[in-house]
Amino acid sequence: MARYTGPACRQCRRQGIKLFLKGERCFGAKCAVERRSYAPGDHGQRRRKTSEFGAQLREKQKARSTYGVLEQQFRKHFEEAERRTGITGENLLQILECRLDNVVYRLGLAESRRQARQLVRHGHFALNGRKTNIPSALVRPGDAVAVLPGSRDTEYFKTAREALSKKSVPTWLELDPEQFTARVAALPTRQQIETNINEALVVEFYSR
């Protein structure tokens, strides 16, 4: 399956909630969910009873859309979550949070995960001192993430530096906004992951 390239706001309307896929736009009056809270399409305003399977599928699709992950990659993350000790659903969210594109987004270096993924693919970041362009790379405690010296003087990162002081960073990450460097202090716990995803329904979907 190819990556979804349609309007990002359409995914939010389909789920009926904000997935924050468009950065600052999601907080303003132009947010599609605020203007049209019903699902897209000709039959979007029809009321339908959701089955148990439908609720599980929708939650899985919500998680995929939120983190911008394709089905095959998402299933690999789920299988890895099953292999780890602990609660599978919480492990899955932890893995998704530890993706490099999500870390860049959580650090405030991008307005959305989609933008963060693009920045990583364009080779603006280094992981533990080595340049990387793999958005799905998983970070571990102690890993260092940094904007490459050659990218720090670009107009985008000059503007980003000014905005970093206004953004909060999760407690499991440490950021030096002046040097554009960050460190993964620890793996995020479920309480530290800000998301409206019901991971138990995702686990039920794949456990059918």
C-alpha atoms as a PDB file:
ATOM      1  CA  MET A   1       0.000   0.000   0.000  1.00  0.00           C
ATOM      2  CA  ALA A   2       1.323   3.458  -0.916  1.00  0.00           C
ATOM      3  CA  ARG A   3       1.573   6.255   1.609  1.00  0.00           C
ATOM      4  CA  TYR A   4      -1.543   8.402   1.977  1.00  0.00           C
ATOM      5  CA  THR A   5      -1.033  11.608   0.004  1.00  0.00           C
ATOM      6  CA  GLY A   6      -4.508  13.139   0.292  1.00  0.00           C
ATOM      7  CA  PRO A   7      -5.596  16.036   2.521  1.00  0.00           C
ATOM      8  CA  ALA A   8      -4.366  15.517   6.087  1.00  0.00           C
ATOM      9  CA  CYS A   9      -7.471  17.183   7.499  1.00  0.00           C
ATOM     10  CA  ARG A  10      -9.632  14.534   5.865  1.00  0.00           C
ATOM     11  CA  GLN A  11      -8.093  11.933   8.187  1.00  0.00           C
ATOM     12  CA  CYS A  12      -9.029  14.015  11.231  1.00  0.00           C
ATOM     13  CA  ARG A  13     -12.610  14.369  10.007  1.00  0.00           C
ATOM     14  CA  ARG A  14     -12.808  10.625   9.377  1.00  0.00           C
ATOM     15  CA  GLN A  15     -11.809   9.935  12.985  1.00  0.00           C
ATOM     16  CA  GLY A  16     -13.949  12.776  14.339  1.00  0.00           C
ATOM     17  CA  ILE A  17     -11.101  14.201  16.429  1.00  0.00           C
ATOM     18  CA  LYS A  18      -7.993  16.313  15.947  1.00  0.00           C
ATOM     19  CA  LEU A  19      -4.929  14.243  15.094  1.00  0.00           C
ATOM     20  CA  PHE A  20      -2.751  17.372  14.899  1.00  0.00           C
ATOM     21  CA  LEU A  21      -1.397  16.552  11.455  1.00  0.00           C
ATOM     22  CA  LYS A  22      -1.119  20.154  10.243  1.00  0.00           C
ATOM     23  CA  GLY A  23       0.773  21.857  13.040  1.00  0.00           C
ATOM     24  CA  GLU A  24      -0.416  25.357  13.944  1.00  0.00           C
ATOM     25  CA  ARG A  25      -3.424  25.079  11.628  1.00  0.00           C
ATOM     26  CA  CYS A  26      -4.958  22.557  14.025  1.00  0.00           C
ATOM     27  CA  PHE A  27      -5.124  25.185  16.767  1.00  0.00           C
ATOM     28  CA  GLY A  28      -6.756  27.900  14.672  1.00  0.00           C
ATOM     29  CA  ALA A  29     -10.124  28.655  13.133  1.00  0.00           C
ATOM     30  CA  LYS A  30      -9.128  26.913   9.885  1.00  0.00           C
ATOM     31  CA  CYS A  31      -9.089  23.486  11.529  1.00  0.00           C
ATOM     32  CA  ALA A  32     -11.340  21.209   9.451  1.00  0.00           C
ATOM     33  CA  VAL A  33     -12.727  19.420  12.523  1.00  0.00           C
ATOM     34  CA  GLU A  34     -13.825  22.749  13.990  1.00  0.00           C
ATOM     35  CA  ARG A  35     -15.521  23.820  10.752  1.00  0.00           C
ATOM     36  CA  ARG A  36     -17.011  20.446   9.766  1.00  0.00           C
ATOM     37  CA  SER A  37     -17.135  17.956  12.605  1.00  0.00           C
ATOM     38  CA  TYR A  38     -18.777  15.221  10.502  1.00  0.00           C
ATOM     39  CA  ALA A  39     -16.994  12.599   8.392  1.00  0.00           C
ATOM     40  CA  PRO A  40     -16.014  13.458   4.793  1.00  0.00           C
ATOM     41  CA  GLY A  41     -17.914  12.203   1.763  1.00  0.00           C
ATOM     42  CA  ASP A  42     -21.516  12.275   0.584  1.00  0.00           C
ATOM     43  CA  HIS A  43     -22.680  10.122   3.496  1.00  0.00           C
ATOM     44  CA  GLY A  44     -20.501  11.693   6.155  1.00  0.00           C
ATOM     45  CA  GLN A  45     -23.421  13.133   8.122  1.00  0.00           C
ATOM     46  CA  ARG A  46     -25.310   9.840   8.352  1.00  0.00           C
ATOM     47  CA  ARG A  47     -25.405   8.214  11.768  1.00  0.00           C
ATOM     48  CA  ARG A  48     -24.111   4.667  11.782  1.00  0.00           C
ATOM     49  CA  LYS A  49     -23.922   2.153  14.583  1.00  0.00           C
ATOM     50  CA  THR A  50     -20.323   1.079  15.051  1.00  0.00           C
ATOM     51  CA  SER A  51     -19.669  -2.621  15.606  1.00  0.00           C
ATOM     52  CA  GLU A  52     -17.013  -3.959  17.956  1.00  0.00           C
ATOM     53  CA  PHE A  53     -14.783  -4.748  15.002  1.00  0.00           C
ATOM     54  CA  GLY A  54     -15.427  -1.292  13.554  1.00  0.00           C
ATOM     55  CA  ALA A  55     -14.338   0.365  16.797  1.00  0.00           C
ATOM     56  CA  GLN A  56     -11.140  -1.700  16.866  1.00  0.00           C
ATOM     57  CA  LEU A  57     -10.375  -0.945  13.225  1.00  0.00           C
ATOM     58  CA  ARG A  58     -11.013   2.762  13.672  1.00  0.00           C
ATOM     59  CA  GLU A  59      -8.682   2.902  16.685  1.00  0.00           C
ATOM     60  CA  LYS A  60      -5.948   1.124  14.742  1.00  0.00           C
ATOM     61  CA  GLN A  61      -6.393   3.508  11.818  1.00  0.00           C
ATOM     62  CA  LYS A  62      -6.335   6.447  14.222  1.00  0.00           C
ATOM     63  CA  ALA A  63      -2.984   5.297  15.615  1.00  0.00           C
ATOM     64  CA  ARG A  64      -1.589   4.804  12.115  1.00  0.00           C
ATOM     65  CA  SER A  65      -2.759   8.226  10.963  1.00  0.00           C
ATOM     66  CA  THR A  66      -1.472   9.946  14.099  1.00  0.00           C
ATOM     67  CA  TYR A  67       2.045   8.596  13.722  1.00  0.00           C
ATOM     68  CA  GLY A  68       2.032   8.465   9.918  1.00  0.00           C
ATOM     69  CA  VAL A  69       2.935   4.773   9.704  1.00  0.00           C
ATOM     70  CA  LEU A  70       1.999   2.380   6.894  1.00  0.00           C
ATOM     71  CA  GLU A  71       0.202  -0.872   7.679  1.00  0.00           C
ATOM     72  CA  GLN A  72       3.210  -3.147   7.155  1.00  0.00           C
ATOM     73  CA  GLN A  73       5.459  -1.025   9.358  1.00  0.00           C
ATOM     74  CA  PHE A  74       2.716  -0.662  11.972  1.00  0.00           C
ATOM     75  CA  ARG A  75       2.283  -4.440  12.161  1.00  0.00           C
ATOM     76  CA  LYS A  76       6.054  -4.858  12.613  1.00  0.00           C
ATOM     77  CA  HIS A  77       5.917  -2.411  15.509  1.00  0.00           C
ATOM     78  CA  PHE A  78       3.038  -4.404  17.003  1.00  0.00           C
ATOM     79  CA  GLU A  79       4.940  -7.687  16.681  1.00  0.00           C
ATOM     80  CA  GLU A  80       7.929  -6.085  18.403  1.00  0.00           C
ATOM     81  CA  ALA A  81       5.616  -4.841  21.165  1.00  0.00           C
ATOM     82  CA  GLU A  82       4.341  -8.404  21.678  1.00  0.00           C
ATOM     83  CA  ARG A  83       7.887  -9.724  22.054  1.00  0.00           C
ATOM     84  CA  ARG A  84       8.775  -7.213  24.748  1.00  0.00           C
ATOM     85  CA  THR A  85       7.918  -7.805  28.388  1.00  0.00           C
ATOM     86  CA  GLY A  86       5.071  -5.780  29.843  1.00  0.00           C
ATOM     87  CA  ILE A  87       1.713  -4.656  28.454  1.00  0.00           C
ATOM     88  CA  THR A  88       1.567  -4.985  24.669  1.00  0.00           C
ATOM     89  CA  GLY A  89      -0.504  -1.851  24.084  1.00  0.00           C
ATOM     90  CA  GLU A  90       1.786   0.334  26.169  1.00  0.00           C
ATOM     91  CA  ASN A  91       4.823  -1.219  24.483  1.00  0.00           C
ATOM     92  CA  LEU A  92       3.355  -0.334  21.097  1.00  0.00           C
ATOM     93  CA  LEU A  93       2.850   3.310  22.018  1.00  0.00           C
ATOM     94  CA  GLN A  94       6.349   3.408  23.469  1.00  0.00           C
ATOM     95  CA  ILE A  95       7.813   2.103  20.209  1.00  0.00           C
ATOM     96  CA  LEU A  96       5.840   4.624  18.155  1.00  0.00           C
ATOM     97  CA  GLU A  97       6.998   7.446  20.432  1.00  0.00           C
ATOM     98  CA  CYS A  98      10.632   6.358  20.059  1.00  0.00           C
ATOM     99  CA  ARG A  99      10.618   6.672  16.270  1.00  0.00           C
ATOM    100  CA  LEU A 100      13.088   9.362  15.209  1.00  0.00           C
ATOM    101  CA  ASP A 101      10.466  11.375  13.305  1.00  0.00           C
ATOM    102  CA  ASN A 102       8.241  11.459  16.389  1.00  0.00           C
ATOM    103  CA  VAL A 103      11.178  12.478  18.609  1.00  0.00           C
ATOM    104  CA  VAL A 104      11.951  15.392  16.267  1.00  0.00           C
ATOM    105  CA  TYR A 105       8.285  16.404  16.489  1.00  0.00           C
ATOM    106  CA  ARG A 106       8.180  16.071  20.300  1.00  0.00           C
ATOM    107  CA  LEU A 107      11.304  18.218  20.581  1.00  0.00           C
ATOM    108  CA  GLY A 108       9.457  21.032  18.804  1.00  0.00           C
ATOM    109  CA  LEU A 109      11.770  20.999  15.779  1.00  0.00           C
ATOM    110  CA  ALA A 110       8.800  20.381  13.477  1.00  0.00           C
ATOM    111  CA  GLU A 111       5.169  21.478  13.585  1.00  0.00           C
ATOM    112  CA  SER A 112       3.864  18.023  12.674  1.00  0.00           C
ATOM    113  CA  ARG A 113       5.109  14.461  12.384  1.00  0.00           C
ATOM    114  CA  ARG A 114       4.733  14.684   8.623  1.00  0.00           C
ATOM    115  CA  GLN A 115       7.066  17.675   8.546  1.00  0.00           C
ATOM    116  CA  ALA A 116       9.457  15.930  10.962  1.00  0.00           C
ATOM    117  CA  ARG A 117       9.569  12.887   8.685  1.00  0.00           C
ATOM    118  CA  GLN A 118      10.421  15.105   5.723  1.00  0.00           C
ATOM    119  CA  LEU A 119      13.209  16.867   7.641  1.00  0.00           C
ATOM    120  CA  VAL A 120      14.751  13.540   8.637  1.00  0.00           C
ATOM    121  CA  ARG A 121      14.529  12.185   5.101  1.00  0.00           C
ATOM    122  CA  HIS A 122      16.280  15.273   3.773  1.00  0.00           C
ATOM    123  CA  GLY A 123      19.225  14.472   6.022  1.00  0.00           C
ATOM    124  CA  HIS A 124      19.113  17.335   8.518  1.00  0.00           C
ATOM    125  CA  PHE A 125      19.667  15.165  11.613  1.00  0.00           C
ATOM    126  CA  ALA A 126      22.315  13.011  13.220  1.00  0.00           C
ATOM    127  CA  LEU A 127      21.688  10.140  15.626  1.00  0.00           C
ATOM    128  CA  ASN A 128      24.585   9.486  17.990  1.00  0.00           C
ATOM    129  CA  GLY A 129      26.866  11.574  15.780  1.00  0.00           C
ATOM    130  CA  ARG A 130      26.005   9.812  12.525  1.00  0.00           C
ATOM    131  CA  LYS A 131      23.879  11.397   9.815  1.00  0.00           C
ATOM    132  CA  THR A 132      20.648   9.513   9.252  1.00  0.00           C
ATOM    133  CA  ASN A 133      17.684   9.837   6.912  1.00  0.00           C
ATOM    134  CA  ILE A 134      15.582   7.003   8.362  1.00  0.00           C
ATOM    135  CA  PRO A 135      12.425   8.351  10.086  1.00  0.00           C
ATOM    136  CA  SER A 136      11.585   4.930  11.560  1.00  0.00           C
ATOM    137  CA  ALA A 137      14.909   4.601  13.400  1.00  0.00           C
ATOM    138  CA  LEU A 138      14.185   3.826  17.065  1.00  0.00           C
ATOM    139  CA  VAL A 139      15.994   5.781  19.772  1.00  0.00           C
ATOM    140  CA  ARG A 140      17.068   4.346  23.125  1.00  0.00           C
ATOM    141  CA  PRO A 141      17.912   5.909  26.488  1.00  0.00           C
ATOM    142  CA  GLY A 142      21.177   7.799  26.239  1.00  0.00           C
ATOM    143  CA  ASP A 143      20.935   8.393  22.477  1.00  0.00           C
ATOM    144  CA  ALA A 144      21.833  11.838  21.182  1.00  0.00           C
ATOM    145  CA  VAL A 145      19.808  13.576  18.470  1.00  0.00           C
ATOM    146  CA  ALA A 146      21.163  16.717  16.834  1.00  0.00           C
ATOM    147  CA  VAL A 147      20.595  18.996  13.889  1.00  0.00           C
ATOM    148  CA  LEU A 148      23.614  18.772  11.588  1.00  0.00           C
ATOM    149  CA  PRO A 149      25.909  21.846  11.686  1.00  0.00           C
ATOM    150  CA  GLY A 150      25.326  22.517   8.008  1.00  0.00           C
ATOM    151  CA  SER A 151      21.564  22.730   8.548  1.00  0.00           C
ATOM    152  CA  ARG A 152      21.538  24.973  11.606  1.00  0.00           C
ATOM    153  CA  ASP A 153      22.073  28.158   9.584  1.00  0.00           C
ATOM    154  CA  THR A 154      19.187  27.514   7.216  1.00  0.00           C
ATOM    155  CA  GLU A 155      16.219  29.861   7.409  1.00  0.00           C
ATOM    156  CA  TYR A 156      13.957  27.110   8.695  1.00  0.00           C
ATOM    157  CA  PHE A 157      16.086  26.269  11.743  1.00  0.00           C
ATOM    158  CA  LYS A 158      16.838  29.913  12.475  1.00  0.00           C
ATOM    159  CA  THR A 159      13.087  30.458  12.783  1.00  0.00           C
ATOM    160  CA  ALA A 160      12.682  27.229  14.748  1.00  0.00           C
ATOM    161  CA  ARG A 161      15.263  28.336  17.323  1.00  0.00           C
ATOM    162  CA  GLU A 162      13.169  31.400  18.154  1.00  0.00           C
ATOM    163  CA  ALA A 163      10.049  29.295  18.642  1.00  0.00           C
ATOM    164  CA  LEU A 164      11.673  26.570  20.762  1.00  0.00           C
ATOM    165  CA  SER A 165      11.576  28.675  23.928  1.00  0.00           C
ATOM    166  CA  LYS A 166       7.774  28.730  23.721  1.00  0.00           C
ATOM    167  CA  LYS A 167       7.393  24.968  23.359  1.00  0.00           C
ATOM    168  CA  SER A 168       7.482  22.361  26.097  1.00  0.00           C
ATOM    169  CA  VAL A 169       9.488  19.159  25.760  1.00  0.00           C
ATOM    170  CA  PRO A 170       8.352  15.825  27.265  1.00  0.00           C
ATOM    171  CA  THR A 171      10.152  14.899  30.468  1.00  0.00           C
ATOM    172  CA  TRP A 172      11.736  11.822  28.852  1.00  0.00           C
ATOM    173  CA  LEU A 173      13.637  14.108  26.453  1.00  0.00           C
ATOM    174  CA  GLU A 174      16.261  16.770  27.147  1.00  0.00           C
ATOM    175  CA  LEU A 175      16.847  19.631  24.703  1.00  0.00           C
ATOM    176  CA  ASP A 176      19.511  22.297  24.306  1.00  0.00           C
ATOM    177  CA  PRO A 177      17.729  24.797  22.009  1.00  0.00           C
ATOM    178  CA  GLU A 178      20.832  26.912  21.420  1.00  0.00           C
ATOM    179  CA  GLN A 179      22.954  24.024  20.183  1.00  0.00           C
ATOM    180  CA  PHE A 180      20.086  22.114  18.542  1.00  0.00           C
ATOM    181  CA  THR A 181      21.065  18.984  20.446  1.00  0.00           C
ATOM    182  CA  ALA A 182      18.906  16.623  22.479  1.00  0.00           C
ATOM    183  CA  ARG A 183      19.266  13.480  24.562  1.00  0.00           C
ATOM    184  CA  VAL A 184      16.850  10.647  25.256  1.00  0.00           C
ATOM    185  CA  ALA A 185      16.770  10.557  29.053  1.00  0.00           C
ATOM    186  CA  ALA A 186      14.543   7.479  29.336  1.00  0.00           C
ATOM    187  CA  LEU A 187      11.886   5.469  27.557  1.00  0.00           C
ATOM    188  CA  PRO A 188       8.490   7.186  27.819  1.00  0.00           C
ATOM    189  CA  THR A 189       5.932   5.707  30.189  1.00  0.00           C
ATOM    190  CA  ARG A 190       2.231   5.548  29.337  1.00  0.00           C
ATOM    191  CA  GLN A 191       1.571   8.531  31.593  1.00  0.00           C
ATOM    192  CA  GLN A 192       4.140  10.584  29.681  1.00  0.00           C
ATOM    193  CA  ILE A 193       2.644   9.843  26.259  1.00  0.00           C
ATOM    194  CA  GLU A 194       0.076  12.478  25.344  1.00  0.00           C
ATOM    195  CA  THR A 195      -2.314  10.770  22.964  1.00  0.00           C
ATOM    196  CA  ASN A 196      -6.018  10.001  22.736  1.00  0.00           C
ATOM    197  CA  ILE A 197      -5.420   6.505  21.355  1.00  0.00           C
ATOM    198  CA  ASN A 198      -7.043   3.561  23.131  1.00  0.00           C
ATOM    199  CA  GLU A 199      -4.210   1.064  22.686  1.00  0.00           C
ATOM    200  CA  ALA A 200      -6.286  -1.788  24.169  1.00  0.00           C
ATOM    201  CA  LEU A 201      -8.581  -1.703  21.122  1.00  0.00           C
ATOM    202  CA  VAL A 202      -5.560  -1.867  18.790  1.00  0.00           C
ATOM    203  CA  VAL A 203      -4.338  -4.972  20.613  1.00  0.00           C
ATOM    204  CA  GLU A 204      -7.810  -6.518  20.345  1.00  0.00           C
ATOM    205  CA  PHE A 205      -7.849  -5.827  16.594  1.00  0.00           C
ATOM    206  CA  TYR A 206      -4.622  -7.750  15.979  1.00  0.00           C
ATOM    207  CA  SER A 207      -5.565 -10.493  18.452  1.00  0.00           C
ATOM    208  CA  ARG A 208      -8.699 -11.524  16.589  1.00  0.00           C
END
